[in-house]
N, C-alpha and C. Protein backbone atom coordinates (compact mmCIF):
# COMPACT_ATOMS: atom_id res chain seq x y z
N MET A 1 109.82 155.78 40.98
CA MET A 1 110.47 154.98 41.98
C MET A 1 111.93 154.82 41.58
N GLU A 2 112.81 154.89 42.58
CA GLU A 2 114.24 154.69 42.37
C GLU A 2 114.59 153.24 42.70
N TRP A 3 115.51 152.67 41.95
CA TRP A 3 115.99 151.30 42.16
C TRP A 3 117.49 151.36 42.27
N ILE A 4 118.05 150.88 43.39
CA ILE A 4 119.49 150.90 43.62
C ILE A 4 119.98 149.48 43.81
N LEU A 5 121.11 149.18 43.17
CA LEU A 5 121.77 147.88 43.32
C LEU A 5 123.18 148.08 43.82
N GLY A 6 123.59 147.24 44.77
CA GLY A 6 125.00 147.16 45.09
C GLY A 6 125.69 146.62 43.84
N ALA A 7 126.80 147.22 43.45
CA ALA A 7 127.43 146.87 42.18
C ALA A 7 128.43 145.72 42.31
N GLY A 8 128.45 145.03 43.44
CA GLY A 8 129.35 143.89 43.59
C GLY A 8 128.92 142.74 42.70
N GLU A 9 129.85 141.87 42.36
CA GLU A 9 129.57 140.79 41.40
C GLU A 9 128.57 139.77 41.93
N GLU A 10 128.34 139.70 43.25
CA GLU A 10 127.36 138.76 43.77
C GLU A 10 125.93 139.26 43.55
N ILE A 11 125.74 140.55 43.25
CA ILE A 11 124.41 141.11 42.97
C ILE A 11 124.28 141.41 41.49
N VAL A 12 125.21 142.17 40.94
CA VAL A 12 125.20 142.46 39.51
C VAL A 12 126.23 141.53 38.88
N VAL A 13 125.76 140.40 38.41
CA VAL A 13 126.68 139.38 37.92
C VAL A 13 127.26 139.75 36.56
N ASN A 14 126.41 140.25 35.66
CA ASN A 14 126.89 140.64 34.34
C ASN A 14 125.86 141.58 33.68
N VAL A 15 126.21 142.09 32.52
CA VAL A 15 125.35 143.04 31.81
C VAL A 15 124.01 142.41 31.45
N ASN A 16 124.01 141.16 31.06
CA ASN A 16 122.74 140.51 30.71
C ASN A 16 121.79 140.44 31.90
N GLN A 17 122.33 140.16 33.08
CA GLN A 17 121.48 140.13 34.26
C GLN A 17 120.97 141.53 34.61
N LEU A 18 121.77 142.54 34.38
CA LEU A 18 121.34 143.91 34.62
C LEU A 18 120.18 144.28 33.67
N LYS A 19 120.30 143.88 32.42
CA LYS A 19 119.21 144.11 31.46
C LYS A 19 117.95 143.35 31.88
N ALA A 20 118.13 142.14 32.38
CA ALA A 20 116.99 141.35 32.85
C ALA A 20 116.31 142.02 34.04
N ARG A 21 117.08 142.64 34.92
CA ARG A 21 116.49 143.38 36.04
C ARG A 21 115.64 144.54 35.54
N SER A 22 116.12 145.23 34.52
CA SER A 22 115.34 146.33 33.95
C SER A 22 114.01 145.83 33.41
N LYS A 23 114.03 144.70 32.73
CA LYS A 23 112.77 144.12 32.22
C LYS A 23 111.85 143.74 33.37
N TYR A 24 112.42 143.16 34.43
CA TYR A 24 111.64 142.80 35.61
C TYR A 24 110.98 144.04 36.21
N ILE A 25 111.76 145.11 36.39
CA ILE A 25 111.23 146.35 36.96
C ILE A 25 110.09 146.88 36.10
N HIS A 26 110.27 146.86 34.79
CA HIS A 26 109.21 147.29 33.88
C HIS A 26 107.94 146.45 34.08
N ARG A 27 108.10 145.17 34.24
CA ARG A 27 106.95 144.29 34.37
C ARG A 27 106.25 144.44 35.72
N VAL A 28 106.98 144.71 36.81
CA VAL A 28 106.31 144.85 38.12
C VAL A 28 105.75 146.25 38.34
N THR A 29 106.28 147.26 37.65
CA THR A 29 105.76 148.62 37.81
C THR A 29 104.86 149.04 36.66
N ASN A 30 104.94 148.32 35.55
CA ASN A 30 104.19 148.69 34.34
C ASN A 30 104.56 150.12 33.91
N ALA A 31 105.85 150.42 34.00
CA ALA A 31 106.34 151.76 33.68
C ALA A 31 107.65 151.67 32.93
N ASP A 32 107.96 152.72 32.19
CA ASP A 32 109.26 152.80 31.52
C ASP A 32 110.37 152.88 32.57
N VAL A 33 111.53 152.33 32.22
CA VAL A 33 112.66 152.27 33.14
C VAL A 33 113.86 152.95 32.49
N SER A 34 114.51 153.83 33.24
CA SER A 34 115.69 154.53 32.72
C SER A 34 116.88 153.58 32.62
N ASP A 35 117.92 154.05 31.98
CA ASP A 35 119.17 153.29 31.95
C ASP A 35 119.78 153.30 33.36
N TRP A 36 120.64 152.33 33.62
CA TRP A 36 121.34 152.25 34.90
C TRP A 36 122.48 153.26 34.89
N LYS A 37 122.63 153.98 35.99
CA LYS A 37 123.72 154.94 36.17
C LYS A 37 124.57 154.49 37.35
N HIS A 38 125.87 154.65 37.22
CA HIS A 38 126.80 154.32 38.30
C HIS A 38 126.91 155.49 39.26
N PHE A 39 127.06 155.19 40.55
CA PHE A 39 127.46 156.20 41.51
C PHE A 39 128.26 155.52 42.61
N GLN A 40 128.97 156.31 43.36
CA GLN A 40 129.86 155.80 44.40
C GLN A 40 129.56 156.54 45.71
N MET A 41 129.65 155.81 46.81
CA MET A 41 129.53 156.41 48.14
C MET A 41 130.50 155.67 49.05
N ASN A 42 131.39 156.42 49.68
CA ASN A 42 132.37 155.84 50.60
C ASN A 42 133.10 154.63 49.99
N ASP A 43 133.60 154.78 48.80
CA ASP A 43 134.33 153.73 48.09
C ASP A 43 133.49 152.51 47.73
N ARG A 44 132.18 152.60 47.86
CA ARG A 44 131.27 151.50 47.48
C ARG A 44 130.59 151.90 46.18
N GLN A 45 130.48 150.95 45.26
CA GLN A 45 129.89 151.19 43.95
C GLN A 45 128.43 150.75 43.93
N PHE A 46 127.59 151.55 43.25
CA PHE A 46 126.17 151.25 43.13
C PHE A 46 125.70 151.57 41.73
N LEU A 47 124.56 151.00 41.39
CA LEU A 47 123.87 151.32 40.15
C LEU A 47 122.47 151.79 40.52
N CYS A 48 121.94 152.72 39.74
CA CYS A 48 120.61 153.26 40.03
C CYS A 48 119.85 153.47 38.73
N CYS A 49 118.56 153.17 38.76
CA CYS A 49 117.67 153.50 37.66
C CYS A 49 116.36 153.99 38.25
N THR A 50 115.50 154.51 37.38
CA THR A 50 114.21 155.05 37.81
C THR A 50 113.11 154.43 36.96
N SER A 51 112.04 154.01 37.61
CA SER A 51 110.85 153.60 36.88
C SER A 51 109.90 154.79 36.88
N ASN A 52 109.36 155.10 35.73
CA ASN A 52 108.53 156.28 35.54
C ASN A 52 107.10 155.96 36.00
N ASP A 53 106.91 155.89 37.31
CA ASP A 53 105.60 155.58 37.88
C ASP A 53 105.28 156.62 38.95
N VAL A 54 104.21 156.42 39.68
CA VAL A 54 103.79 157.40 40.68
C VAL A 54 104.19 157.02 42.11
N VAL A 55 104.92 155.94 42.27
CA VAL A 55 105.30 155.48 43.61
C VAL A 55 106.47 156.32 44.12
N ASP A 56 106.28 156.93 45.29
CA ASP A 56 107.33 157.72 45.92
C ASP A 56 108.15 156.79 46.81
N GLY A 57 109.01 156.00 46.17
CA GLY A 57 109.75 155.00 46.91
C GLY A 57 111.12 154.74 46.35
N ILE A 58 111.86 153.93 47.12
CA ILE A 58 113.19 153.50 46.71
C ILE A 58 113.34 152.03 47.06
N PHE A 59 113.86 151.26 46.12
CA PHE A 59 114.01 149.81 46.27
C PHE A 59 115.51 149.53 46.20
N ILE A 60 116.08 149.06 47.31
CA ILE A 60 117.53 148.86 47.39
C ILE A 60 117.84 147.37 47.52
N THR A 61 118.61 146.86 46.57
CA THR A 61 119.12 145.49 46.64
C THR A 61 120.62 145.62 46.86
N ALA A 62 121.04 145.36 48.10
CA ALA A 62 122.45 145.51 48.46
C ALA A 62 122.66 144.82 49.80
N HIS A 63 123.91 144.74 50.22
CA HIS A 63 124.21 144.19 51.54
C HIS A 63 123.70 145.16 52.60
N ILE A 64 123.37 144.64 53.78
CA ILE A 64 122.76 145.45 54.83
C ILE A 64 123.60 146.65 55.22
N ASP A 65 124.90 146.52 55.29
CA ASP A 65 125.72 147.67 55.65
C ASP A 65 125.63 148.77 54.60
N ASP A 66 125.48 148.39 53.33
CA ASP A 66 125.29 149.37 52.26
C ASP A 66 123.92 150.03 52.35
N VAL A 67 122.89 149.25 52.68
CA VAL A 67 121.54 149.80 52.83
C VAL A 67 121.53 150.83 53.95
N ILE A 68 122.17 150.51 55.07
CA ILE A 68 122.24 151.44 56.20
C ILE A 68 122.97 152.72 55.79
N MET A 69 124.08 152.57 55.08
CA MET A 69 124.84 153.73 54.63
C MET A 69 123.99 154.59 53.67
N LEU A 70 123.31 153.95 52.72
CA LEU A 70 122.50 154.68 51.74
C LEU A 70 121.32 155.40 52.39
N SER A 71 120.80 154.85 53.50
CA SER A 71 119.64 155.47 54.14
C SER A 71 119.94 156.86 54.70
N ALA A 72 121.21 157.20 54.80
CA ALA A 72 121.59 158.54 55.26
C ALA A 72 121.51 159.58 54.14
N LEU A 73 121.37 159.12 52.90
CA LEU A 73 121.29 160.05 51.77
C LEU A 73 119.92 160.72 51.72
N HIS A 74 119.91 162.00 51.44
CA HIS A 74 118.66 162.76 51.40
C HIS A 74 117.66 162.15 50.42
N TYR A 75 118.08 161.78 49.23
CA TYR A 75 117.12 161.25 48.26
C TYR A 75 116.60 159.87 48.63
N VAL A 76 117.18 159.24 49.65
CA VAL A 76 116.64 157.98 50.17
C VAL A 76 115.64 158.26 51.29
N PHE A 77 116.04 159.00 52.30
CA PHE A 77 115.16 159.16 53.46
C PHE A 77 113.96 160.06 53.20
N ILE A 78 113.94 160.83 52.11
CA ILE A 78 112.75 161.64 51.84
C ILE A 78 111.62 160.83 51.21
N LYS A 79 111.91 159.61 50.78
CA LYS A 79 110.90 158.79 50.11
C LYS A 79 109.84 158.33 51.11
N ARG A 80 108.62 158.16 50.63
CA ARG A 80 107.52 157.66 51.45
C ARG A 80 107.70 156.19 51.78
N ILE A 81 108.32 155.44 50.85
CA ILE A 81 108.52 154.00 51.02
C ILE A 81 109.98 153.66 50.74
N THR A 82 110.60 152.92 51.66
CA THR A 82 111.93 152.36 51.43
C THR A 82 111.79 150.85 51.48
N ILE A 83 112.29 150.17 50.45
CA ILE A 83 112.25 148.72 50.39
C ILE A 83 113.68 148.22 50.42
N ALA A 84 113.98 147.41 51.43
CA ALA A 84 115.33 146.87 51.61
C ALA A 84 115.31 145.39 51.23
N ASN A 85 115.81 145.10 50.07
CA ASN A 85 115.92 143.72 49.59
C ASN A 85 117.29 143.22 50.03
N THR A 86 117.39 142.90 51.32
CA THR A 86 118.67 142.61 51.94
C THR A 86 118.46 141.72 53.16
N CYS A 87 119.55 141.31 53.75
CA CYS A 87 119.52 140.51 54.98
C CYS A 87 119.37 141.41 56.19
N ILE A 88 118.66 140.94 57.20
CA ILE A 88 118.64 141.66 58.48
C ILE A 88 119.96 141.40 59.19
N TRP A 89 120.46 140.20 59.11
CA TRP A 89 121.78 139.75 59.56
C TRP A 89 121.95 139.79 61.07
N GLU A 90 121.79 140.92 61.68
CA GLU A 90 121.87 141.03 63.14
C GLU A 90 120.48 141.36 63.66
N ARG A 91 120.17 140.83 64.82
CA ARG A 91 118.86 141.04 65.42
C ARG A 91 118.50 142.53 65.49
N SER A 92 117.33 142.86 65.05
CA SER A 92 116.74 144.20 65.12
C SER A 92 117.37 145.24 64.19
N TRP A 93 118.23 144.83 63.25
CA TRP A 93 118.76 145.83 62.32
C TRP A 93 117.66 146.44 61.47
N ASP A 94 116.59 145.69 61.23
CA ASP A 94 115.47 146.25 60.48
C ASP A 94 114.86 147.43 61.25
N ARG A 95 114.67 147.26 62.55
CA ARG A 95 114.12 148.36 63.37
C ARG A 95 115.11 149.51 63.50
N LYS A 96 116.38 149.19 63.63
CA LYS A 96 117.39 150.24 63.73
C LYS A 96 117.38 151.09 62.46
N LEU A 97 117.23 150.44 61.31
CA LEU A 97 117.17 151.18 60.05
C LEU A 97 115.91 152.03 60.00
N LEU A 98 114.78 151.49 60.45
CA LEU A 98 113.54 152.26 60.48
C LEU A 98 113.72 153.52 61.34
N TYR A 99 114.30 153.38 62.52
CA TYR A 99 114.50 154.54 63.39
C TYR A 99 115.43 155.56 62.74
N LYS A 100 116.45 155.06 62.05
CA LYS A 100 117.38 155.98 61.37
C LYS A 100 116.65 156.78 60.29
N ILE A 101 115.81 156.11 59.53
CA ILE A 101 115.03 156.80 58.49
C ILE A 101 114.06 157.79 59.14
N TRP A 102 113.42 157.38 60.23
CA TRP A 102 112.44 158.23 60.91
C TRP A 102 113.07 159.48 61.52
N GLU A 103 114.37 159.45 61.79
CA GLU A 103 115.03 160.67 62.28
C GLU A 103 114.86 161.81 61.30
N ASN A 104 114.82 161.49 60.02
CA ASN A 104 114.69 162.49 58.96
C ASN A 104 113.31 162.55 58.34
N ASN A 105 112.55 161.44 58.40
CA ASN A 105 111.24 161.38 57.77
C ASN A 105 110.33 160.42 58.54
N PRO A 106 109.64 160.92 59.56
CA PRO A 106 108.79 160.05 60.37
C PRO A 106 107.57 159.51 59.64
N ASN A 107 107.34 159.96 58.42
CA ASN A 107 106.19 159.50 57.64
C ASN A 107 106.54 158.38 56.67
N SER A 108 107.75 157.90 56.72
CA SER A 108 108.21 156.87 55.79
C SER A 108 107.90 155.47 56.31
N ASP A 109 107.60 154.57 55.39
CA ASP A 109 107.44 153.15 55.71
C ASP A 109 108.66 152.39 55.20
N LEU A 110 109.05 151.37 55.95
CA LEU A 110 110.18 150.53 55.57
C LEU A 110 109.70 149.10 55.42
N TYR A 111 110.06 148.47 54.32
CA TYR A 111 109.76 147.07 54.05
C TYR A 111 111.07 146.32 53.87
N PHE A 112 111.13 145.11 54.44
CA PHE A 112 112.28 144.24 54.28
C PHE A 112 111.85 142.99 53.52
N SER A 113 112.77 142.45 52.75
CA SER A 113 112.49 141.18 52.08
C SER A 113 112.33 140.10 53.13
N LYS A 114 111.57 139.09 52.78
CA LYS A 114 111.36 137.96 53.69
C LYS A 114 112.70 137.27 53.92
N GLN A 115 112.90 136.84 55.16
CA GLN A 115 114.19 136.29 55.57
C GLN A 115 114.14 134.77 55.68
N ASN A 116 115.25 134.15 55.32
CA ASN A 116 115.49 132.74 55.59
C ASN A 116 116.51 132.68 56.72
N ILE A 117 116.61 131.55 57.35
CA ILE A 117 117.65 131.36 58.36
C ILE A 117 118.77 130.54 57.72
N SER A 118 119.99 131.03 57.83
CA SER A 118 121.13 130.28 57.31
C SER A 118 122.23 130.26 58.37
N VAL A 119 123.19 129.41 58.16
CA VAL A 119 124.31 129.28 59.07
C VAL A 119 125.52 129.93 58.41
N ASP A 120 126.12 130.91 59.12
CA ASP A 120 127.28 131.58 58.53
C ASP A 120 128.56 130.77 58.77
N GLN A 121 129.69 131.31 58.37
CA GLN A 121 130.97 130.60 58.48
C GLN A 121 131.38 130.34 59.92
N MET A 122 130.83 131.10 60.87
CA MET A 122 131.13 130.92 62.28
C MET A 122 130.09 130.02 62.96
N HIS A 123 129.23 129.38 62.14
CA HIS A 123 128.18 128.49 62.62
C HIS A 123 127.13 129.20 63.47
N ILE A 124 126.86 130.45 63.11
CA ILE A 124 125.83 131.24 63.78
C ILE A 124 124.62 131.32 62.85
N LEU A 125 123.43 131.09 63.40
CA LEU A 125 122.20 131.22 62.63
C LEU A 125 121.91 132.71 62.40
N ARG A 126 121.64 133.05 61.15
CA ARG A 126 121.38 134.46 60.81
C ARG A 126 120.20 134.54 59.84
N PRO A 127 119.38 135.62 59.98
CA PRO A 127 118.33 135.86 58.99
C PRO A 127 118.95 136.43 57.71
N THR A 128 118.71 135.78 56.61
CA THR A 128 119.32 136.19 55.34
C THR A 128 118.28 136.25 54.22
N THR A 129 118.66 136.97 53.19
CA THR A 129 117.88 137.04 51.96
C THR A 129 118.78 136.51 50.87
N GLU A 130 118.55 135.30 50.46
CA GLU A 130 119.41 134.71 49.43
C GLU A 130 118.87 135.05 48.05
N LEU A 131 119.77 135.46 47.17
CA LEU A 131 119.40 135.71 45.79
C LEU A 131 119.65 134.41 45.02
N LEU A 132 118.55 133.79 44.57
CA LEU A 132 118.61 132.48 43.93
C LEU A 132 117.76 132.48 42.66
N TYR A 133 117.78 131.37 41.98
CA TYR A 133 116.84 131.06 40.89
C TYR A 133 116.86 132.09 39.76
N ALA A 134 117.93 132.14 39.03
CA ALA A 134 118.04 133.06 37.90
C ALA A 134 117.17 132.65 36.73
N GLY A 135 116.66 131.43 36.71
CA GLY A 135 115.94 130.87 35.57
C GLY A 135 114.87 131.74 34.95
N LYS A 136 113.77 131.99 35.62
CA LYS A 136 112.62 132.67 35.02
C LYS A 136 112.91 134.13 34.68
N PHE A 137 113.67 134.81 35.50
CA PHE A 137 113.85 136.24 35.33
C PHE A 137 115.16 136.62 34.64
N GLY A 138 116.15 135.74 34.64
CA GLY A 138 117.43 136.04 34.03
C GLY A 138 118.42 136.67 35.00
N PHE A 139 118.06 136.79 36.27
CA PHE A 139 118.97 137.25 37.32
C PHE A 139 118.51 136.61 38.63
N GLN A 140 119.42 136.52 39.59
CA GLN A 140 119.08 135.91 40.87
C GLN A 140 118.09 136.79 41.62
N THR A 141 117.04 136.16 42.16
CA THR A 141 116.00 136.91 42.86
C THR A 141 115.82 136.42 44.28
N SER A 142 115.29 137.28 45.11
CA SER A 142 114.90 136.90 46.47
C SER A 142 113.47 136.35 46.42
N LEU A 143 113.08 135.65 47.46
CA LEU A 143 111.71 135.16 47.57
C LEU A 143 110.73 136.33 47.44
N SER A 144 111.00 137.43 48.09
CA SER A 144 110.10 138.58 48.04
C SER A 144 110.00 139.16 46.64
N GLU A 145 111.10 139.19 45.89
CA GLU A 145 111.04 139.68 44.50
C GLU A 145 110.16 138.77 43.65
N ARG A 146 110.28 137.47 43.87
CA ARG A 146 109.45 136.53 43.10
C ARG A 146 107.97 136.71 43.46
N GLU A 147 107.68 136.92 44.74
CA GLU A 147 106.30 137.14 45.15
C GLU A 147 105.77 138.49 44.64
N LEU A 148 106.63 139.50 44.60
CA LEU A 148 106.24 140.80 44.05
C LEU A 148 105.80 140.62 42.60
N PHE A 149 106.56 139.84 41.85
CA PHE A 149 106.23 139.58 40.46
C PHE A 149 104.89 138.84 40.34
N MET A 150 104.70 137.83 41.19
CA MET A 150 103.45 137.05 41.13
C MET A 150 102.23 137.91 41.47
N ASN A 151 102.40 138.92 42.29
CA ASN A 151 101.28 139.77 42.72
C ASN A 151 101.18 141.08 41.95
N ARG A 152 101.97 141.26 40.90
CA ARG A 152 102.07 142.54 40.21
C ARG A 152 100.75 143.04 39.64
N GLU A 153 99.83 142.15 39.28
CA GLU A 153 98.55 142.56 38.70
C GLU A 153 97.68 143.31 39.71
N LYS A 154 98.01 143.23 40.99
CA LYS A 154 97.25 143.90 42.05
C LYS A 154 97.70 145.34 42.24
N GLY A 155 98.68 145.78 41.47
CA GLY A 155 99.26 147.11 41.63
C GLY A 155 100.49 147.01 42.51
N PHE A 156 101.44 147.90 42.28
CA PHE A 156 102.73 147.78 42.95
C PHE A 156 102.62 147.83 44.46
N GLU A 157 101.89 148.81 45.00
CA GLU A 157 101.87 148.95 46.46
C GLU A 157 101.17 147.79 47.14
N GLU A 158 100.10 147.27 46.55
CA GLU A 158 99.44 146.09 47.12
C GLU A 158 100.34 144.86 47.02
N ALA A 159 101.00 144.71 45.87
CA ALA A 159 101.94 143.59 45.70
C ALA A 159 103.08 143.69 46.71
N LEU A 160 103.54 144.91 46.98
CA LEU A 160 104.60 145.12 47.97
C LEU A 160 104.15 144.63 49.34
N LYS A 161 102.95 145.00 49.75
CA LYS A 161 102.44 144.59 51.07
C LYS A 161 102.31 143.08 51.19
N LEU A 162 102.04 142.40 50.08
CA LEU A 162 101.91 140.95 50.09
C LEU A 162 103.25 140.22 50.00
N SER A 163 104.28 140.90 49.54
CA SER A 163 105.54 140.24 49.20
C SER A 163 106.70 140.56 50.13
N PHE A 164 106.67 141.69 50.76
CA PHE A 164 107.73 142.13 51.66
C PHE A 164 107.13 142.32 53.05
N GLU A 165 107.98 142.32 54.06
CA GLU A 165 107.55 142.49 55.45
C GLU A 165 107.67 143.96 55.85
N ARG A 166 106.54 144.57 56.24
CA ARG A 166 106.59 145.95 56.74
C ARG A 166 107.24 145.92 58.12
N VAL A 167 108.21 146.79 58.33
CA VAL A 167 108.92 146.85 59.59
C VAL A 167 108.09 147.66 60.59
N SER A 168 107.84 147.05 61.72
CA SER A 168 107.08 147.68 62.78
C SER A 168 108.04 148.19 63.85
N PRO A 169 107.75 149.37 64.42
CA PRO A 169 108.61 149.85 65.50
C PRO A 169 108.38 149.12 66.82
N ILE A 170 107.34 148.32 66.88
CA ILE A 170 106.97 147.64 68.11
C ILE A 170 107.75 146.34 68.23
N LEU A 171 108.40 146.17 69.36
CA LEU A 171 109.14 144.95 69.64
C LEU A 171 108.19 143.99 70.36
N MET A 172 107.98 142.81 69.78
CA MET A 172 107.09 141.82 70.35
C MET A 172 107.87 140.90 71.28
N PRO A 173 107.19 140.33 72.31
CA PRO A 173 107.88 139.39 73.21
C PRO A 173 108.53 138.25 72.41
N GLY A 174 109.74 137.92 72.76
CA GLY A 174 110.45 136.83 72.09
C GLY A 174 111.28 137.29 70.91
N GLU A 175 111.15 138.55 70.51
CA GLU A 175 111.93 139.03 69.38
C GLU A 175 113.28 139.54 69.83
């Protein structure tokens, strides 16, 4: 499984938190984790590591615009599972991302972190994924990351289904 982080200071706060993320990944996958490598796309900085497990997936913790940009990369859209630990921010961006991935890989599943509602600077309610509570893990986590950890004994894919929201292509009334 590939793990990508937006390299901005609001996600990767410092080296100690990056090391703590590696330990977290090891504990939720029960697999060895590679060192973090830097890469750049369109002037945006990212970090990537790999957990040596059997899951054909990619887990992206970044801002939604970065997740959308990364989904155009071949090594992202070929994965069976894409996990977006990010905000939906605008209505239906989760479905738009699913359709974008399906253009290249119709067999892929997309999961989004559970969303909270917050008020932005323009006083607009938006679905967000706040990274909070650095205490237990040593880095700020989303609610879905904490639930993934709590369910890790059930195996990664089952824990994923319990902790993140699978994106459905079906639009329900009221959405």
